[in-house]
């Protein structure tokens, strides 16, 4: 038996962060995009211990403002791409308005820190979401292209192939074939037991 699970990484990280802060007895409030405001100063020892505890969950404390802003850009992009309803606005406008900076500044900073462009990062996130939607097998490629704000299935297919090396249709066929093989293996195992 197989179960498919959808993750809300922001909610998950926020919950872990909240639980760990409470464990350490720190007085705080959680702000947007993984920001924590402490009501009282924390010692270097508390900071180091808290940092170590978070690392076990794959959560890092960001030390520089530039890196923190780049993380906010990434979080905003993930929020935009993975939203349940397509947002009918250009990504550049959405990001600039959400983070209250000019897009030019954000774009230059992102390239400097992340060694890639915002546009490339958006494409990678869209393709990851397209793969997830294909795996869920509930939407057609036309619906997926529309959901991800592509002008056509051909545009989605071109970016998908440029990123993964195969088309979405080929990806669907591979997934379908793997499921059939797995189901056949499970069924034959049940027969022999």
Protein backbone atom coordinates (compact mmCIF):
# COMPACT_ATOMS: atom_id res chain seq x y z
CA UNK A 1 0.00 0.00 0.00
CA UNK A 2 1.22 3.47 -0.81
CA UNK A 3 0.19 6.86 0.54
CA UNK A 4 0.95 10.23 -1.04
CA UNK A 5 1.59 13.10 1.35
CA UNK A 6 1.70 16.80 0.58
CA UNK A 7 4.10 18.92 2.64
CA UNK A 8 3.74 22.53 3.63
CA UNK A 9 7.40 23.12 4.41
CA UNK A 10 6.81 26.62 5.77
CA UNK A 11 4.20 25.37 8.25
CA UNK A 12 6.37 22.39 9.18
CA UNK A 13 9.46 24.52 9.82
CA UNK A 14 7.42 27.08 11.75
CA UNK A 15 6.06 24.33 14.01
CA UNK A 16 9.52 22.84 14.66
CA UNK A 17 10.93 26.31 15.32
CA UNK A 18 8.09 27.13 17.73
CA UNK A 19 8.54 23.84 19.62
CA UNK A 20 12.32 24.25 19.90
CA UNK A 21 12.05 27.85 21.08
CA UNK A 22 9.60 26.76 23.79
CA UNK A 23 11.92 23.89 24.81
CA UNK A 24 14.72 26.39 25.36
CA UNK A 25 12.44 28.65 27.45
CA UNK A 26 13.09 31.65 25.23
CA UNK A 27 10.62 34.55 25.05
CA UNK A 28 9.93 35.31 21.41
CA UNK A 29 7.45 35.85 18.64
CA UNK A 30 7.56 34.34 15.15
CA UNK A 31 7.45 36.80 12.27
CA UNK A 32 7.06 36.14 8.54
CA UNK A 33 9.56 34.09 6.56
CA UNK A 34 11.29 32.37 9.46
CA UNK A 35 12.12 35.50 11.39
CA UNK A 36 12.19 35.31 15.16
CA UNK A 37 12.08 38.34 17.41
CA UNK A 38 13.37 37.76 20.95
CA UNK A 39 11.88 39.81 23.77
CA UNK A 40 15.04 39.40 25.85
CA UNK A 41 18.69 39.12 24.81
CA UNK A 42 19.98 35.56 24.45
CA UNK A 43 23.47 34.46 25.43
CA UNK A 44 26.00 33.10 22.95
CA UNK A 45 25.68 29.72 24.70
CA UNK A 46 21.87 29.72 24.19
CA UNK A 47 22.38 30.78 20.57
CA UNK A 48 24.87 27.96 19.89
CA UNK A 49 22.73 25.31 21.60
CA UNK A 50 19.60 26.44 19.78
CA UNK A 51 21.50 26.49 16.47
CA UNK A 52 22.70 22.92 17.10
CA UNK A 53 19.15 21.71 17.93
CA UNK A 54 17.74 23.24 14.75
CA UNK A 55 20.46 21.70 12.60
CA UNK A 56 19.10 18.23 13.47
CA UNK A 57 15.94 19.24 11.55
CA UNK A 58 17.77 20.75 8.60
CA UNK A 59 17.02 24.30 9.76
CA UNK A 60 19.87 26.81 9.81
CA UNK A 61 20.21 30.15 11.52
CA UNK A 62 21.17 32.70 8.90
CA UNK A 63 23.88 35.04 10.09
CA UNK A 64 24.01 37.77 7.40
CA UNK A 65 21.25 40.12 6.26
CA UNK A 66 22.03 39.45 2.59
CA UNK A 67 21.65 35.71 3.05
CA UNK A 68 18.45 36.25 5.04
CA UNK A 69 16.97 38.38 2.25
CA UNK A 70 17.92 35.77 -0.37
CA UNK A 71 16.15 33.15 1.77
CA UNK A 72 13.09 35.42 1.88
CA UNK A 73 13.21 35.65 -1.93
CA UNK A 74 13.35 31.83 -2.16
CA UNK A 75 10.47 31.46 0.31
CA UNK A 76 8.40 34.00 -1.64
CA UNK A 77 9.04 32.14 -4.89
CA UNK A 78 8.10 28.79 -3.34
CA UNK A 79 4.94 30.38 -1.90
CA UNK A 80 4.08 31.82 -5.32
CA UNK A 81 4.80 28.67 -7.34
CA UNK A 82 3.30 26.13 -4.93
CA UNK A 83 0.13 28.10 -4.12
CA UNK A 84 -3.11 26.20 -4.65
CA UNK A 85 -4.50 28.93 -6.90
CA UNK A 86 -2.48 30.43 -9.73
CA UNK A 87 -1.56 34.03 -8.96
CA UNK A 88 -2.19 36.07 -12.14
CA UNK A 89 0.70 38.49 -11.61
CA UNK A 90 4.24 38.60 -12.91
CA UNK A 91 6.71 37.01 -10.50
CA UNK A 92 8.90 40.12 -10.51
CA UNK A 93 6.02 42.32 -9.35
CA UNK A 94 4.88 39.78 -6.74
CA UNK A 95 8.38 39.39 -5.27
CA UNK A 96 9.13 43.15 -5.24
CA UNK A 97 5.81 44.00 -3.57
CA UNK A 98 6.00 41.15 -1.07
CA UNK A 99 9.54 42.05 0.04
CA UNK A 100 9.20 45.82 -0.33
CA UNK A 101 12.36 46.26 -2.45
CA UNK A 102 12.90 47.01 -6.11
CA UNK A 103 13.07 43.92 -8.27
CA UNK A 104 16.39 45.07 -9.74
CA UNK A 105 17.99 45.18 -6.29
CA UNK A 106 16.54 41.77 -5.33
CA UNK A 107 17.61 40.23 -8.63
CA UNK A 108 21.21 41.48 -8.32
CA UNK A 109 21.45 40.38 -4.68
CA UNK A 110 20.01 36.94 -5.48
CA UNK A 111 22.50 36.38 -8.31
CA UNK A 112 25.40 37.54 -6.12
CA UNK A 113 24.54 35.25 -3.19
CA UNK A 114 22.85 32.25 -4.85
CA UNK A 115 25.02 32.13 -8.02
CA UNK A 116 21.92 31.81 -10.19
CA UNK A 117 19.16 34.14 -11.33
CA UNK A 118 15.73 34.50 -9.79
CA UNK A 119 14.29 33.43 -13.15
CA UNK A 120 16.26 30.15 -13.10
CA UNK A 121 15.21 29.49 -9.51
CA UNK A 122 11.56 30.07 -10.47
CA UNK A 123 11.87 27.65 -13.39
CA UNK A 124 13.41 24.98 -11.13
CA UNK A 125 10.57 25.38 -8.61
CA UNK A 126 7.93 25.23 -11.35
CA UNK A 127 9.44 22.03 -12.76
CA UNK A 128 9.57 20.46 -9.28
CA UNK A 129 5.91 21.33 -8.78
CA UNK A 130 5.05 20.02 -12.25
CA UNK A 131 6.73 16.70 -11.35
CA UNK A 132 4.74 16.56 -8.12
CA UNK A 133 1.50 17.23 -9.99
CA UNK A 134 2.35 14.58 -12.59
CA UNK A 135 3.11 12.10 -9.80
CA UNK A 136 -0.28 12.80 -8.22
CA UNK A 137 -1.78 11.90 -11.61
CA UNK A 138 -4.89 14.03 -11.12
CA UNK A 139 -4.36 16.78 -13.70
CA UNK A 140 -3.65 16.86 -17.41
CA UNK A 141 -0.56 18.59 -18.78
CA UNK A 142 -2.82 21.41 -20.02
CA UNK A 143 -4.16 21.92 -16.49
CA UNK A 144 -0.66 21.77 -15.04
CA UNK A 145 0.65 24.31 -17.58
CA UNK A 146 -2.24 26.65 -16.74
CA UNK A 147 -1.75 26.20 -12.98
CA UNK A 148 1.94 27.13 -13.32
CA UNK A 149 1.17 30.19 -15.51
CA UNK A 150 2.73 28.79 -18.68
CA UNK A 151 1.36 30.18 -21.92
CA UNK A 152 1.03 26.65 -23.34
CA UNK A 153 1.87 22.99 -22.79
CA UNK A 154 4.66 23.44 -25.36
CA UNK A 155 6.28 26.13 -23.20
CA UNK A 156 6.04 23.89 -20.12
CA UNK A 157 7.44 20.95 -22.12
CA UNK A 158 10.41 22.99 -23.38
CA UNK A 159 11.39 24.17 -19.88
CA UNK A 160 10.74 20.70 -18.42
CA UNK A 161 13.01 19.08 -21.02
CA UNK A 162 15.71 21.76 -20.63
CA UNK A 163 15.70 21.16 -16.86
CA UNK A 164 15.27 17.37 -16.63
CA UNK A 165 16.40 16.10 -20.02
CA UNK A 166 13.00 14.53 -20.77
CA UNK A 167 9.55 15.84 -21.66
CA UNK A 168 6.63 15.80 -19.22
CA UNK A 169 4.99 13.09 -21.38
CA UNK A 170 8.09 10.91 -21.12
CA UNK A 171 8.16 11.54 -17.37
CA UNK A 172 4.50 10.45 -17.14
CA UNK A 173 5.26 7.26 -19.09
CA UNK A 174 8.20 6.42 -16.82
CA UNK A 175 6.08 6.94 -13.70
CA UNK A 176 3.22 4.85 -15.13
CA UNK A 177 5.61 2.04 -16.06
CA UNK A 178 7.23 2.06 -12.60
CA UNK A 179 3.83 1.92 -10.93
CA UNK A 180 2.80 -1.05 -13.08
CA UNK A 181 6.04 -2.89 -12.28
CA UNK A 182 5.68 -2.13 -8.57
CA UNK A 183 2.02 -3.20 -8.53
CA UNK A 184 2.87 -6.41 -10.38
CA UNK A 185 5.64 -7.14 -7.86
CA UNK A 186 3.30 -6.48 -4.93
CA UNK A 187 0.58 -8.66 -6.47
CA UNK A 188 2.99 -11.55 -7.21
CA UNK A 189 4.40 -11.30 -3.68
CA UNK A 190 0.85 -11.55 -2.27
CA UNK A 191 0.17 -14.65 -4.40
CA UNK A 192 3.24 -16.44 -3.03
CA UNK A 193 2.53 -15.61 0.60
